[in-house]
Amino acid sequence: MREIVLDTETTGFDPNTGDRIVEIGAVELSGHMPTGRTYHEYINPERSMPQEAFEVHGLGDEFLADKPKFAEVGQSFLDFVGDAKLVIHNAAFDMKFLNAELSWMGLPTLPYDQAIDTLEIARRKFPGSPVSLDALCRRFGVNNDARTLHGALLDSEILADVYLELIGGRQPDFALAGNAEVAATDKGDIWTPKPRPVALPSRLSEAEKARHQTHMGELGDACLWKAGA
């Protein structure tokens, strides 16, 4: 299963009032594991940068002046994404901007059900707790020391780590759907679970085993645990 962990930076909050995307960063996952492929573009928004937005991501007019416009990168972005699921923290925000930019170009927009919203996952999993990206990094022990300002590619890389923790920790997809490729190691071998060479020792002490047997005797012959003995 191919997924794209994605983030954008913008000039503000609403494309309908003239705000634009200024950065897209994306990280590819296969079978819930990073492949090493990324997508990253700084984008000239064709407008000035509000001070409030500059203080969030540090991308100013001078820096963005020679960067490509969205019309120059929109198709390459769609080509990279393909039909992969989009893993986004607060998906409604990024999808709103991406689809506005794509529609202005006359390109196909992205269906909302293509997105997996990690913000919603975190809210369901940790009701009442902070679920910002920084808060989830603290919860899961994900290193975000480099995140002094928001940056689309860095945030995507961090979100990829957080997403893997949200869905159950860093482990490969065991190809239950029959896709052997996603369970392959970086050597090209198919990962399969191996039996332990030595069984784990029992956690019960001899005294605990004796107490258990005594208790079973006290329950009598009708004891459910004795039925299969």
Foldseek 3Di string as FASTA:
>chain_A
DKEKEKDWAKLDQAVVVPIATQKIKIFMAFQLHTPPDIDIFGAQSVDFRDPVSCVFAVDGNVNRVPGHHCLVCLVVVCVVGPLHAYEYAPLVRVLNRNQVSCVVNVHDGDDSVSYDHVNVLCCVVPPPDDDDLVRLCVVVVQDPVVPPHDDINSSSVSVSQSVCVSVPHDDGNLCPVVDQVSQADPVRDGDDDDDDPDDDDDPDDPVRVVVVVVVVVVVDPVDPVNPVD
